[in-house]
């Protein structure tokens, strides 16, 4: 994957966008109508992207890192008085999507490596 530096920049921008949406004073009005699906889409993309771009990162470490990120977001939403409500079921959605994204990202990386 010769475009990895550019893709990693894109990953960083996606992460920044997700954090902005999660911590802005008002919940996003774009995306899915069910909040948990928004969480799942974001964390699936983060996990799959990370496994594609950092293949040496262990699955358990990635899941732990993204779980800490999800928990941190929920804690900040609870404590920063942004007009947002932290919800621990959001964290459950984050974890489920992270595991699925990690699996898909691992399989996709193997496929890309085989084809190149």
PDB file of N, CA and C in Angstrom:
ATOM      1  N   UNK A   1       0.847  -1.173   0.000  1.00  0.00           N
ATOM      2  CA  UNK A   1       0.000   0.000   0.000  1.00  0.00           C
ATOM      3  C   UNK A   1       0.897   1.243   0.000  1.00  0.00           C
ATOM      4  N   UNK A   2       1.148   1.739  -1.175  1.00  0.00           N
ATOM      5  CA  UNK A   2       2.100   2.840  -1.304  1.00  0.00           C
ATOM      6  C   UNK A   2       1.512   4.203  -0.949  1.00  0.00           C
ATOM      7  N   UNK A   3       0.229   4.288  -0.785  1.00  0.00           N
ATOM      8  CA  UNK A   3      -0.420   5.557  -0.450  1.00  0.00           C
ATOM      9  C   UNK A   3      -0.726   5.670   1.037  1.00  0.00           C
ATOM     10  N   UNK A   4      -0.056   4.877   1.835  1.00  0.00           N
ATOM     11  CA  UNK A   4      -0.361   4.831   3.264  1.00  0.00           C
ATOM     12  C   UNK A   4      -0.238   6.192   3.948  1.00  0.00           C
ATOM     13  N   UNK A   5       0.803   7.004   3.703  1.00  0.00           N
ATOM     14  CA  UNK A   5       0.867   8.301   4.402  1.00  0.00           C
ATOM     15  C   UNK A   5      -0.347   9.195   4.126  1.00  0.00           C
ATOM     16  N   UNK A   6      -0.813   9.222   2.910  1.00  0.00           N
ATOM     17  CA  UNK A   6      -1.993  10.030   2.580  1.00  0.00           C
ATOM     18  C   UNK A   6      -3.237   9.446   3.245  1.00  0.00           C
ATOM     19  N   UNK A   7      -3.349   8.125   3.243  1.00  0.00           N
ATOM     20  CA  UNK A   7      -4.499   7.476   3.870  1.00  0.00           C
ATOM     21  C   UNK A   7      -4.484   7.694   5.381  1.00  0.00           C
ATOM     22  N   UNK A   8      -3.290   7.713   5.982  1.00  0.00           N
ATOM     23  CA  UNK A   8      -3.205   7.981   7.423  1.00  0.00           C
ATOM     24  C   UNK A   8      -3.625   9.411   7.744  1.00  0.00           C
ATOM     25  N   UNK A   9      -3.311  10.334   6.865  1.00  0.00           N
ATOM     26  CA  UNK A   9      -3.782  11.712   7.043  1.00  0.00           C
ATOM     27  C   UNK A   9      -5.314  11.746   6.971  1.00  0.00           C
ATOM     28  N   UNK A  10      -5.877  11.032   6.011  1.00  0.00           N
ATOM     29  CA  UNK A  10      -7.330  10.938   5.903  1.00  0.00           C
ATOM     30  C   UNK A  10      -7.946  10.330   7.153  1.00  0.00           C
ATOM     31  N   UNK A  11      -7.274   9.331   7.715  1.00  0.00           N
ATOM     32  CA  UNK A  11      -7.744   8.702   8.954  1.00  0.00           C
ATOM     33  C   UNK A  11      -7.761   9.730  10.089  1.00  0.00           C
ATOM     34  N   UNK A  12      -6.684  10.507  10.196  1.00  0.00           N
ATOM     35  CA  UNK A  12      -6.608  11.531  11.244  1.00  0.00           C
ATOM     36  C   UNK A  12      -7.723  12.566  11.077  1.00  0.00           C
ATOM     37  N   UNK A  13      -8.001  12.950   9.848  1.00  0.00           N
ATOM     38  CA  UNK A  13      -9.086  13.900   9.597  1.00  0.00           C
ATOM     39  C   UNK A  13     -10.445  13.296   9.953  1.00  0.00           C
ATOM     40  N   UNK A  14     -10.641  12.030   9.632  1.00  0.00           N
ATOM     41  CA  UNK A  14     -11.894  11.352   9.988  1.00  0.00           C
ATOM     42  C   UNK A  14     -12.046  11.284  11.499  1.00  0.00           C
ATOM     43  N   UNK A  15     -10.961  10.972  12.201  1.00  0.00           N
ATOM     44  CA  UNK A  15     -11.000  10.933  13.660  1.00  0.00           C
ATOM     45  C   UNK A  15     -11.342  12.308  14.227  1.00  0.00           C
ATOM     46  N   UNK A  16     -10.728  13.351  13.678  1.00  0.00           N
ATOM     47  CA  UNK A  16     -11.014  14.715  14.137  1.00  0.00           C
ATOM     48  C   UNK A  16     -12.488  15.062  13.906  1.00  0.00           C
ATOM     49  N   UNK A  17     -13.029  14.685  12.758  1.00  0.00           N
ATOM     50  CA  UNK A  17     -14.435  14.948  12.463  1.00  0.00           C
ATOM     51  C   UNK A  17     -15.344  14.210  13.447  1.00  0.00           C
ATOM     52  N   UNK A  18     -15.031  12.954  13.727  1.00  0.00           N
ATOM     53  CA  UNK A  18     -15.833  12.161  14.664  1.00  0.00           C
ATOM     54  C   UNK A  18     -15.804  12.797  16.055  1.00  0.00           C
ATOM     55  N   UNK A  19     -14.624  13.228  16.487  1.00  0.00           N
ATOM     56  CA  UNK A  19     -14.518  13.877  17.800  1.00  0.00           C
ATOM     57  C   UNK A  19     -15.292  15.194  17.832  1.00  0.00           C
ATOM     58  N   UNK A  20     -15.208  15.954  16.752  1.00  0.00           N
ATOM     59  CA  UNK A  20     -15.966  17.205  16.671  1.00  0.00           C
ATOM     60  C   UNK A  20     -17.467  16.931  16.790  1.00  0.00           C
ATOM     61  N   UNK A  21     -17.946  15.983  16.030  1.00  0.00           N
ATOM     62  CA  UNK A  21     -19.381  15.653  16.060  1.00  0.00           C
ATOM     63  C   UNK A  21     -19.802  15.137  17.437  1.00  0.00           C
ATOM     64  N   UNK A  22     -18.919  14.373  18.080  1.00  0.00           N
ATOM     65  CA  UNK A  22     -19.256  13.793  19.382  1.00  0.00           C
ATOM     66  C   UNK A  22     -19.242  14.818  20.504  1.00  0.00           C
ATOM     67  N   UNK A  23     -18.430  15.862  20.360  1.00  0.00           N
ATOM     68  CA  UNK A  23     -18.246  16.802  21.460  1.00  0.00           C
ATOM     69  C   UNK A  23     -18.783  18.204  21.182  1.00  0.00           C
ATOM     70  N   UNK A  24     -19.414  18.395  20.047  1.00  0.00           N
ATOM     71  CA  UNK A  24     -19.999  19.707  19.770  1.00  0.00           C
ATOM     72  C   UNK A  24     -21.239  19.892  20.659  1.00  0.00           C
ATOM     73  N   UNK A  25     -21.614  21.138  20.921  1.00  0.00           N
ATOM     74  CA  UNK A  25     -22.712  21.392  21.861  1.00  0.00           C
ATOM     75  C   UNK A  25     -24.050  20.764  21.477  1.00  0.00           C
ATOM     76  N   UNK A  26     -24.299  20.564  20.220  1.00  0.00           N
ATOM     77  CA  UNK A  26     -25.581  20.010  19.807  1.00  0.00           C
ATOM     78  C   UNK A  26     -25.348  18.717  19.036  1.00  0.00           C
ATOM     79  N   UNK A  27     -26.181  17.706  19.295  1.00  0.00           N
ATOM     80  CA  UNK A  27     -26.026  16.451  18.557  1.00  0.00           C
ATOM     81  C   UNK A  27     -26.142  16.691  17.056  1.00  0.00           C
ATOM     82  N   UNK A  28     -25.392  15.929  16.275  1.00  0.00           N
ATOM     83  CA  UNK A  28     -25.466  16.107  14.823  1.00  0.00           C
ATOM     84  C   UNK A  28     -26.857  15.768  14.297  1.00  0.00           C
ATOM     85  N   UNK A  29     -27.267  16.510  13.291  1.00  0.00           N
ATOM     86  CA  UNK A  29     -28.570  16.235  12.668  1.00  0.00           C
ATOM     87  C   UNK A  29     -28.401  15.416  11.393  1.00  0.00           C
ATOM     88  N   UNK A  30     -27.166  15.277  10.945  1.00  0.00           N
ATOM     89  CA  UNK A  30     -26.910  14.445   9.768  1.00  0.00           C
ATOM     90  C   UNK A  30     -26.652  13.011  10.220  1.00  0.00           C
ATOM     91  N   UNK A  31     -26.566  12.121   9.300  1.00  0.00           N
ATOM     92  CA  UNK A  31     -26.296  10.729   9.648  1.00  0.00           C
ATOM     93  C   UNK A  31     -27.585   9.935   9.787  1.00  0.00           C
ATOM     94  N   UNK A  32     -27.478   8.865  10.539  1.00  0.00           N
ATOM     95  CA  UNK A  32     -28.610   7.967  10.724  1.00  0.00           C
ATOM     96  C   UNK A  32     -29.563   8.530  11.776  1.00  0.00           C
ATOM     97  N   UNK A  33     -30.811   8.121  11.720  1.00  0.00           N
ATOM     98  CA  UNK A  33     -31.804   8.618  12.665  1.00  0.00           C
ATOM     99  C   UNK A  33     -31.684   7.945  14.030  1.00  0.00           C
ATOM    100  N   UNK A  34     -31.026   6.792  14.070  1.00  0.00           N
ATOM    101  CA  UNK A  34     -30.837   6.087  15.337  1.00  0.00           C
ATOM    102  C   UNK A  34     -29.418   6.356  15.806  1.00  0.00           C
ATOM    103  N   UNK A  35     -29.275   6.994  16.942  1.00  0.00           N
ATOM    104  CA  UNK A  35     -27.986   7.427  17.472  1.00  0.00           C
ATOM    105  C   UNK A  35     -26.968   6.285  17.554  1.00  0.00           C
ATOM    106  N   UNK A  36     -27.412   5.127  17.955  1.00  0.00           N
ATOM    107  CA  UNK A  36     -26.473   3.989  18.101  1.00  0.00           C
ATOM    108  C   UNK A  36     -25.862   3.608  16.755  1.00  0.00           C
ATOM    109  N   UNK A  37     -26.615   3.765  15.689  1.00  0.00           N
ATOM    110  CA  UNK A  37     -26.091   3.455  14.362  1.00  0.00           C
ATOM    111  C   UNK A  37     -25.006   4.448  13.952  1.00  0.00           C
ATOM    112  N   UNK A  38     -25.147   5.702  14.355  1.00  0.00           N
ATOM    113  CA  UNK A  38     -24.081   6.684  14.116  1.00  0.00           C
ATOM    114  C   UNK A  38     -22.803   6.265  14.839  1.00  0.00           C
ATOM    115  N   UNK A  39     -22.948   5.846  16.085  1.00  0.00           N
ATOM    116  CA  UNK A  39     -21.787   5.386  16.843  1.00  0.00           C
ATOM    117  C   UNK A  39     -21.151   4.176  16.170  1.00  0.00           C
ATOM    118  N   UNK A  40     -21.979   3.255  15.765  1.00  0.00           N
ATOM    119  CA  UNK A  40     -21.460   2.030  15.153  1.00  0.00           C
ATOM    120  C   UNK A  40     -20.746   2.328  13.832  1.00  0.00           C
ATOM    121  N   UNK A  41     -21.295   3.212  13.034  1.00  0.00           N
ATOM    122  CA  UNK A  41     -20.644   3.558  11.761  1.00  0.00           C
ATOM    123  C   UNK A  41     -19.280   4.195  12.010  1.00  0.00           C
ATOM    124  N   UNK A  42     -19.218   5.107  12.976  1.00  0.00           N
ATOM    125  CA  UNK A  42     -17.960   5.795  13.266  1.00  0.00           C
ATOM    126  C   UNK A  42     -16.902   4.822  13.785  1.00  0.00           C
ATOM    127  N   UNK A  43     -17.248   3.995  14.738  1.00  0.00           N
ATOM    128  CA  UNK A  43     -16.252   3.109  15.332  1.00  0.00           C
ATOM    129  C   UNK A  43     -15.914   1.929  14.435  1.00  0.00           C
ATOM    130  N   UNK A  44     -16.853   1.499  13.606  1.00  0.00           N
ATOM    131  CA  UNK A  44     -16.524   0.478  12.602  1.00  0.00           C
ATOM    132  C   UNK A  44     -15.474   1.029  11.644  1.00  0.00           C
ATOM    133  N   UNK A  45     -15.695   2.251  11.163  1.00  0.00           N
ATOM    134  CA  UNK A  45     -14.747   2.870  10.231  1.00  0.00           C
ATOM    135  C   UNK A  45     -13.390   3.086  10.887  1.00  0.00           C
ATOM    136  N   UNK A  46     -13.377   3.546  12.136  1.00  0.00           N
ATOM    137  CA  UNK A  46     -12.107   3.748  12.826  1.00  0.00           C
ATOM    138  C   UNK A  46     -11.351   2.435  13.005  1.00  0.00           C
ATOM    139  N   UNK A  47     -12.044   1.384  13.390  1.00  0.00           N
ATOM    140  CA  UNK A  47     -11.382   0.094  13.621  1.00  0.00           C
ATOM    141  C   UNK A  47     -10.896  -0.528  12.312  1.00  0.00           C
ATOM    142  N   UNK A  48     -11.760  -0.575  11.310  1.00  0.00           N
ATOM    143  CA  UNK A  48     -11.363  -1.172  10.027  1.00  0.00           C
ATOM    144  C   UNK A  48     -10.222  -0.381   9.405  1.00  0.00           C
ATOM    145  N   UNK A  49     -10.326   0.931   9.452  1.00  0.00           N
ATOM    146  CA  UNK A  49      -9.269   1.772   8.899  1.00  0.00           C
ATOM    147  C   UNK A  49      -7.947   1.572   9.611  1.00  0.00           C
ATOM    148  N   UNK A  50      -7.996   1.485  10.926  1.00  0.00           N
ATOM    149  CA  UNK A  50      -6.768   1.290  11.698  1.00  0.00           C
ATOM    150  C   UNK A  50      -6.114  -0.050  11.363  1.00  0.00           C
ATOM    151  N   UNK A  51      -6.906  -1.099  11.240  1.00  0.00           N
ATOM    152  CA  UNK A  51      -6.323  -2.410  10.900  1.00  0.00           C
ATOM    153  C   UNK A  51      -5.733  -2.414   9.495  1.00  0.00           C
ATOM    154  N   UNK A  52      -6.324  -1.645   8.606  1.00  0.00           N
ATOM    155  CA  UNK A  52      -5.771  -1.542   7.248  1.00  0.00           C
ATOM    156  C   UNK A  52      -4.463  -0.745   7.245  1.00  0.00           C
ATOM    157  N   UNK A  53      -4.412   0.331   8.003  1.00  0.00           N
ATOM    158  CA  UNK A  53      -3.281   1.249   7.955  1.00  0.00           C
ATOM    159  C   UNK A  53      -2.159   0.919   8.930  1.00  0.00           C
ATOM    160  N   UNK A  54      -2.477   0.222  10.001  1.00  0.00           N
ATOM    161  CA  UNK A  54      -1.484  -0.192  10.991  1.00  0.00           C
ATOM    162  C   UNK A  54      -1.648  -1.687  11.247  1.00  0.00           C
ATOM    163  N   UNK A  55      -1.272  -2.526  10.290  1.00  0.00           N
ATOM    164  CA  UNK A  55      -1.537  -3.959  10.403  1.00  0.00           C
ATOM    165  C   UNK A  55      -0.814  -4.642  11.564  1.00  0.00           C
ATOM    166  N   UNK A  56       0.261  -4.062  12.040  1.00  0.00           N
ATOM    167  CA  UNK A  56       0.991  -4.682  13.160  1.00  0.00           C
ATOM    168  C   UNK A  56       0.333  -4.406  14.508  1.00  0.00           C
ATOM    169  N   UNK A  57      -0.593  -3.481  14.532  1.00  0.00           N
ATOM    170  CA  UNK A  57      -1.322  -3.182  15.759  1.00  0.00           C
ATOM    171  C   UNK A  57      -2.207  -4.379  16.098  1.00  0.00           C
ATOM    172  N   UNK A  58      -2.030  -4.929  17.284  1.00  0.00           N
ATOM    173  CA  UNK A  58      -2.811  -6.117  17.643  1.00  0.00           C
ATOM    174  C   UNK A  58      -4.292  -5.769  17.766  1.00  0.00           C
ATOM    175  N   UNK A  59      -5.106  -6.756  17.496  1.00  0.00           N
ATOM    176  CA  UNK A  59      -6.552  -6.572  17.579  1.00  0.00           C
ATOM    177  C   UNK A  59      -6.970  -6.175  18.994  1.00  0.00           C
ATOM    178  N   UNK A  60      -6.395  -6.830  19.986  1.00  0.00           N
ATOM    179  CA  UNK A  60      -6.769  -6.508  21.371  1.00  0.00           C
ATOM    180  C   UNK A  60      -6.365  -5.087  21.743  1.00  0.00           C
ATOM    181  N   UNK A  61      -5.202  -4.651  21.307  1.00  0.00           N
ATOM    182  CA  UNK A  61      -4.770  -3.282  21.612  1.00  0.00           C
ATOM    183  C   UNK A  61      -5.679  -2.271  20.918  1.00  0.00           C
ATOM    184  N   UNK A  62      -6.021  -2.550  19.660  1.00  0.00           N
ATOM    185  CA  UNK A  62      -6.913  -1.643  18.924  1.00  0.00           C
ATOM    186  C   UNK A  62      -8.271  -1.551  19.600  1.00  0.00           C
ATOM    187  N   UNK A  63      -8.822  -2.691  19.972  1.00  0.00           N
ATOM    188  CA  UNK A  63     -10.123  -2.700  20.641  1.00  0.00           C
ATOM    189  C   UNK A  63     -10.037  -1.941  21.961  1.00  0.00           C
ATOM    190  N   UNK A  64      -8.948  -2.128  22.697  1.00  0.00           N
ATOM    191  CA  UNK A  64      -8.771  -1.411  23.962  1.00  0.00           C
ATOM    192  C   UNK A  64      -8.675   0.102  23.727  1.00  0.00           C
ATOM    193  N   UNK A  65      -7.885   0.514  22.732  1.00  0.00           N
ATOM    194  CA  UNK A  65      -7.721   1.942  22.450  1.00  0.00           C
ATOM    195  C   UNK A  65      -9.043   2.599  22.061  1.00  0.00           C
ATOM    196  N   UNK A  66      -9.788   1.941  21.181  1.00  0.00           N
ATOM    197  CA  UNK A  66     -11.053   2.535  20.743  1.00  0.00           C
ATOM    198  C   UNK A  66     -12.116   2.474  21.839  1.00  0.00           C
ATOM    199  N   UNK A  67     -12.033   1.484  22.724  1.00  0.00           N
ATOM    200  CA  UNK A  67     -12.942   1.432  23.868  1.00  0.00           C
ATOM    201  C   UNK A  67     -12.662   2.607  24.805  1.00  0.00           C
ATOM    202  N   UNK A  68     -11.386   2.881  25.038  1.00  0.00           N
ATOM    203  CA  UNK A  68     -11.018   4.035  25.875  1.00  0.00           C
ATOM    204  C   UNK A  68     -11.495   5.332  25.215  1.00  0.00           C
ATOM    205  N   UNK A  69     -11.337   5.435  23.896  1.00  0.00           N
ATOM    206  CA  UNK A  69     -11.821   6.610  23.180  1.00  0.00           C
ATOM    207  C   UNK A  69     -13.331   6.766  23.361  1.00  0.00           C
ATOM    208  N   UNK A  70     -14.070   5.693  23.151  1.00  0.00           N
ATOM    209  CA  UNK A  70     -15.525   5.748  23.302  1.00  0.00           C
ATOM    210  C   UNK A  70     -15.941   6.103  24.719  1.00  0.00           C
ATOM    211  N   UNK A  71     -15.280   5.516  25.703  1.00  0.00           N
ATOM    212  CA  UNK A  71     -15.591   5.834  27.102  1.00  0.00           C
ATOM    213  C   UNK A  71     -15.249   7.290  27.400  1.00  0.00           C
ATOM    214  N   UNK A  72     -14.132   7.750  26.874  1.00  0.00           N
ATOM    215  CA  UNK A  72     -13.739   9.143  27.081  1.00  0.00           C
ATOM    216  C   UNK A  72     -14.756  10.114  26.510  1.00  0.00           C
ATOM    217  N   UNK A  73     -15.258   9.799  25.339  1.00  0.00           N
ATOM    218  CA  UNK A  73     -16.288  10.648  24.724  1.00  0.00           C
ATOM    219  C   UNK A  73     -17.530  10.703  25.618  1.00  0.00           C
ATOM    220  N   UNK A  74     -17.964   9.548  26.111  1.00  0.00           N
ATOM    221  CA  UNK A  74     -19.167   9.516  26.948  1.00  0.00           C
ATOM    222  C   UNK A  74     -18.945  10.270  28.258  1.00  0.00           C
ATOM    223  N   UNK A  75     -17.771  10.140  28.854  1.00  0.00           N
ATOM    224  CA  UNK A  75     -17.467  10.861  30.088  1.00  0.00           C
ATOM    225  C   UNK A  75     -17.451  12.367  29.832  1.00  0.00           C
ATOM    226  N   UNK A  76     -16.825  12.773  28.729  1.00  0.00           N
ATOM    227  CA  UNK A  76     -16.810  14.201  28.400  1.00  0.00           C
ATOM    228  C   UNK A  76     -18.217  14.728  28.148  1.00  0.00           C
ATOM    229  N   UNK A  77     -19.041  13.958  27.455  1.00  0.00           N
ATOM    230  CA  UNK A  77     -20.417  14.404  27.227  1.00  0.00           C
ATOM    231  C   UNK A  77     -21.177  14.557  28.539  1.00  0.00           C
ATOM    232  N   UNK A  78     -20.883  13.700  29.497  1.00  0.00           N
ATOM    233  CA  UNK A  78     -21.555  13.781  30.804  1.00  0.00           C
ATOM    234  C   UNK A  78     -21.078  14.969  31.632  1.00  0.00           C
ATOM    235  N   UNK A  79     -19.805  15.319  31.509  1.00  0.00           N
ATOM    236  CA  UNK A  79     -19.214  16.277  32.442  1.00  0.00           C
ATOM    237  C   UNK A  79     -18.988  17.673  31.881  1.00  0.00           C
ATOM    238  N   UNK A  80     -19.013  17.857  30.577  1.00  0.00           N
ATOM    239  CA  UNK A  80     -18.662  19.157  30.007  1.00  0.00           C
ATOM    240  C   UNK A  80     -19.842  20.109  29.871  1.00  0.00           C
ATOM    241  N   UNK A  81     -21.027  19.664  30.201  1.00  0.00           N
ATOM    242  CA  UNK A  81     -22.220  20.523  30.143  1.00  0.00           C
ATOM    243  C   UNK A  81     -22.366  21.173  28.761  1.00  0.00           C
ATOM    244  N   UNK A  82     -22.325  20.326  27.744  1.00  0.00           N
ATOM    245  CA  UNK A  82     -22.436  20.797  26.365  1.00  0.00           C
ATOM    246  C   UNK A  82     -23.855  20.675  25.824  1.00  0.00           C
ATOM    247  N   UNK A  83     -24.761  20.266  26.676  1.00  0.00           N
ATOM    248  CA  UNK A  83     -26.104  19.995  26.191  1.00  0.00           C
ATOM    249  C   UNK A  83     -26.202  18.602  25.593  1.00  0.00           C
ATOM    250  N   UNK A  84     -25.202  17.786  25.867  1.00  0.00           N
ATOM    251  CA  UNK A  84     -25.168  16.410  25.378  1.00  0.00           C
ATOM    252  C   UNK A  84     -25.341  15.468  26.560  1.00  0.00           C
ATOM    253  N   UNK A  85     -25.864  14.306  26.303  1.00  0.00           N
ATOM    254  CA  UNK A  85     -26.028  13.300  27.343  1.00  0.00           C
ATOM    255  C   UNK A  85     -25.112  12.127  27.047  1.00  0.00           C
ATOM    256  N   UNK A  86     -24.254  11.810  27.985  1.00  0.00           N
ATOM    257  CA  UNK A  86     -23.466  10.591  27.857  1.00  0.00           C
ATOM    258  C   UNK A  86     -24.376   9.395  28.062  1.00  0.00           C
ATOM    259  N   UNK A  87     -24.165   8.357  27.304  1.00  0.00           N
ATOM    260  CA  UNK A  87     -25.020   7.170  27.383  1.00  0.00           C
ATOM    261  C   UNK A  87     -24.113   5.947  27.283  1.00  0.00           C
ATOM    262  N   UNK A  88     -24.139   5.118  28.308  1.00  0.00           N
ATOM    263  CA  UNK A  88     -23.252   3.951  28.305  1.00  0.00           C
ATOM    264  C   UNK A  88     -23.665   2.929  27.249  1.00  0.00           C
ATOM    265  N   UNK A  89     -24.895   2.973  26.783  1.00  0.00           N
ATOM    266  CA  UNK A  89     -25.277   2.103  25.668  1.00  0.00           C
ATOM    267  C   UNK A  89     -24.582   2.547  24.376  1.00  0.00           C
ATOM    268  N   UNK A  90     -24.235   3.833  24.287  1.00  0.00           N
ATOM    269  CA  UNK A  90     -23.423   4.292  23.153  1.00  0.00           C
ATOM    270  C   UNK A  90     -22.069   3.607  23.177  1.00  0.00           C
ATOM    271  N   UNK A  91     -21.496   3.455  24.367  1.00  0.00           N
ATOM    272  CA  UNK A  91     -20.206   2.771  24.482  1.00  0.00           C
ATOM    273  C   UNK A  91     -20.326   1.309  24.063  1.00  0.00           C
ATOM    274  N   UNK A  92     -21.428   0.674  24.420  1.00  0.00           N
ATOM    275  CA  UNK A  92     -21.646  -0.719  23.987  1.00  0.00           C
ATOM    276  C   UNK A  92     -21.687  -0.783  22.457  1.00  0.00           C
ATOM    277  N   UNK A  93     -22.386   0.156  21.839  1.00  0.00           N
ATOM    278  CA  UNK A  93     -22.445   0.204  20.370  1.00  0.00           C
ATOM    279  C   UNK A  93     -21.052   0.426  19.792  1.00  0.00           C
ATOM    280  N   UNK A  94     -20.264   1.292  20.432  1.00  0.00           N
ATOM    281  CA  UNK A  94     -18.893   1.538  19.979  1.00  0.00           C
ATOM    282  C   UNK A  94     -18.063   0.255  20.017  1.00  0.00           C
ATOM    283  N   UNK A  95     -18.178  -0.490  21.111  1.00  0.00           N
ATOM    284  CA  UNK A  95     -17.382  -1.708  21.277  1.00  0.00           C
ATOM    285  C   UNK A  95     -17.792  -2.772  20.270  1.00  0.00           C
ATOM    286  N   UNK A  96     -19.076  -2.976  20.086  1.00  0.00           N
ATOM    287  CA  UNK A  96     -19.558  -3.969  19.110  1.00  0.00           C
ATOM    288  C   UNK A  96     -19.044  -3.626  17.715  1.00  0.00           C
ATOM    289  N   UNK A  97     -19.149  -2.360  17.344  1.00  0.00           N
ATOM    290  CA  UNK A  97     -18.690  -1.934  16.020  1.00  0.00           C
ATOM    291  C   UNK A  97     -17.174  -2.013  15.905  1.00  0.00           C
ATOM    292  N   UNK A  98     -16.464  -1.749  16.982  1.00  0.00           N
ATOM    293  CA  UNK A  98     -15.007  -1.850  16.966  1.00  0.00           C
ATOM    294  C   UNK A  98     -14.569  -3.282  16.715  1.00  0.00           C
ATOM    295  N   UNK A  99     -15.198  -4.224  17.377  1.00  0.00           N
ATOM    296  CA  UNK A  99     -14.852  -5.643  17.160  1.00  0.00           C
ATOM    297  C   UNK A  99     -15.141  -6.033  15.717  1.00  0.00           C
ATOM    298  N   UNK A 100     -16.316  -5.671  15.219  1.00  0.00           N
ATOM    299  CA  UNK A 100     -16.658  -6.000  13.826  1.00  0.00           C
ATOM    300  C   UNK A 100     -15.699  -5.331  12.849  1.00  0.00           C
ATOM    301  N   UNK A 101     -15.391  -4.062  13.069  1.00  0.00           N
ATOM    302  CA  UNK A 101     -14.474  -3.343  12.195  1.00  0.00           C
ATOM    303  C   UNK A 101     -13.069  -3.918  12.225  1.00  0.00           C
ATOM    304  N   UNK A 102     -12.645  -4.373  13.393  1.00  0.00           N
ATOM    305  CA  UNK A 102     -11.323  -4.992  13.515  1.00  0.00           C
ATOM    306  C   UNK A 102     -11.258  -6.268  12.687  1.00  0.00           C
ATOM    307  N   UNK A 103     -12.293  -7.065  12.751  1.00  0.00           N
ATOM    308  CA  UNK A 103     -12.338  -8.309  11.967  1.00  0.00           C
ATOM    309  C   UNK A 103     -12.343  -7.997  10.475  1.00  0.00           C
ATOM    310  N   UNK A 104     -13.209  -7.096  10.054  1.00  0.00           N
ATOM    311  CA  UNK A 104     -13.303  -6.750   8.630  1.00  0.00           C
ATOM    312  C   UNK A 104     -12.002  -6.110   8.145  1.00  0.00           C
ATOM    313  N   UNK A 105     -11.429  -5.222   8.929  1.00  0.00           N
ATOM    314  CA  UNK A 105     -10.169  -4.583   8.548  1.00  0.00           C
ATOM    315  C   UNK A 105      -9.031  -5.574   8.409  1.00  0.00           C
ATOM    316  N   UNK A 106      -8.976  -6.554   9.307  1.00  0.00           N
ATOM    317  CA  UNK A 106      -7.947  -7.593   9.231  1.00  0.00           C
ATOM    318  C   UNK A 106      -8.114  -8.414   7.962  1.00  0.00           C
ATOM    319  N   UNK A 107      -9.342  -8.820   7.681  1.00  0.00           N
ATOM    320  CA  UNK A 107      -9.597  -9.620   6.468  1.00  0.00           C
ATOM    321  C   UNK A 107      -9.323  -8.810   5.203  1.00  0.00           C
ATOM    322  N   UNK A 108      -9.716  -7.541   5.201  1.00  0.00           N
ATOM    323  CA  UNK A 108      -9.482  -6.693   4.027  1.00  0.00           C
ATOM    324  C   UNK A 108      -7.991  -6.488   3.799  1.00  0.00           C
ATOM    325  N   UNK A 109      -7.242  -6.288   4.849  1.00  0.00           N
ATOM    326  CA  UNK A 109      -5.784  -6.110   4.713  1.00  0.00           C
ATOM    327  C   UNK A 109      -5.154  -7.371   4.131  1.00  0.00           C
ATOM    328  N   UNK A 110      -5.570  -8.529   4.590  1.00  0.00           N
ATOM    329  CA  UNK A 110      -5.063  -9.808   4.041  1.00  0.00           C
ATOM    330  C   UNK A 110      -5.385  -9.924   2.559  1.00  0.00           C
ATOM    331  N   UNK A 111      -6.592  -9.544   2.182  1.00  0.00           N
ATOM    332  CA  UNK A 111      -6.992  -9.617   0.780  1.00  0.00           C
ATOM    333  C   UNK A 111      -6.167  -8.664  -0.068  1.00  0.00           C
ATOM    334  N   UNK A 112      -5.974  -7.449   0.387  1.00  0.00           N
ATOM    335  CA  UNK A 112      -5.181  -6.461  -0.357  1.00  0.00           C
ATOM    336  C   UNK A 112      -3.743  -6.944  -0.499  1.00  0.00           C
ATOM    337  N   UNK A 113      -3.205  -7.514   0.571  1.00  0.00           N
ATOM    338  CA  UNK A 113      -1.822  -8.014   0.521  1.00  0.00           C
ATOM    339  C   UNK A 113      -1.701  -9.168  -0.468  1.00  0.00           C
ATOM    340  N   UNK A 114      -2.689 -10.058  -0.497  1.00  0.00           N
ATOM    341  CA  UNK A 114      -2.674 -11.179  -1.438  1.00  0.00           C
ATOM    342  C   UNK A 114      -2.748 -10.701  -2.874  1.00  0.00           C
ATOM    343  N   UNK A 115      -3.560  -9.677  -3.121  1.00  0.00           N
ATOM    344  CA  UNK A 115      -3.769  -9.208  -4.490  1.00  0.00           C
ATOM    345  C   UNK A 115      -2.611  -8.358  -5.007  1.00  0.00           C
ATOM    346  N   UNK A 116      -1.795  -7.856  -4.118  1.00  0.00           N
ATOM    347  CA  UNK A 116      -0.684  -7.004  -4.608  1.00  0.00           C
ATOM    348  C   UNK A 116       0.617  -7.755  -4.745  1.00  0.00           C
TER     349      UNK A 116
END
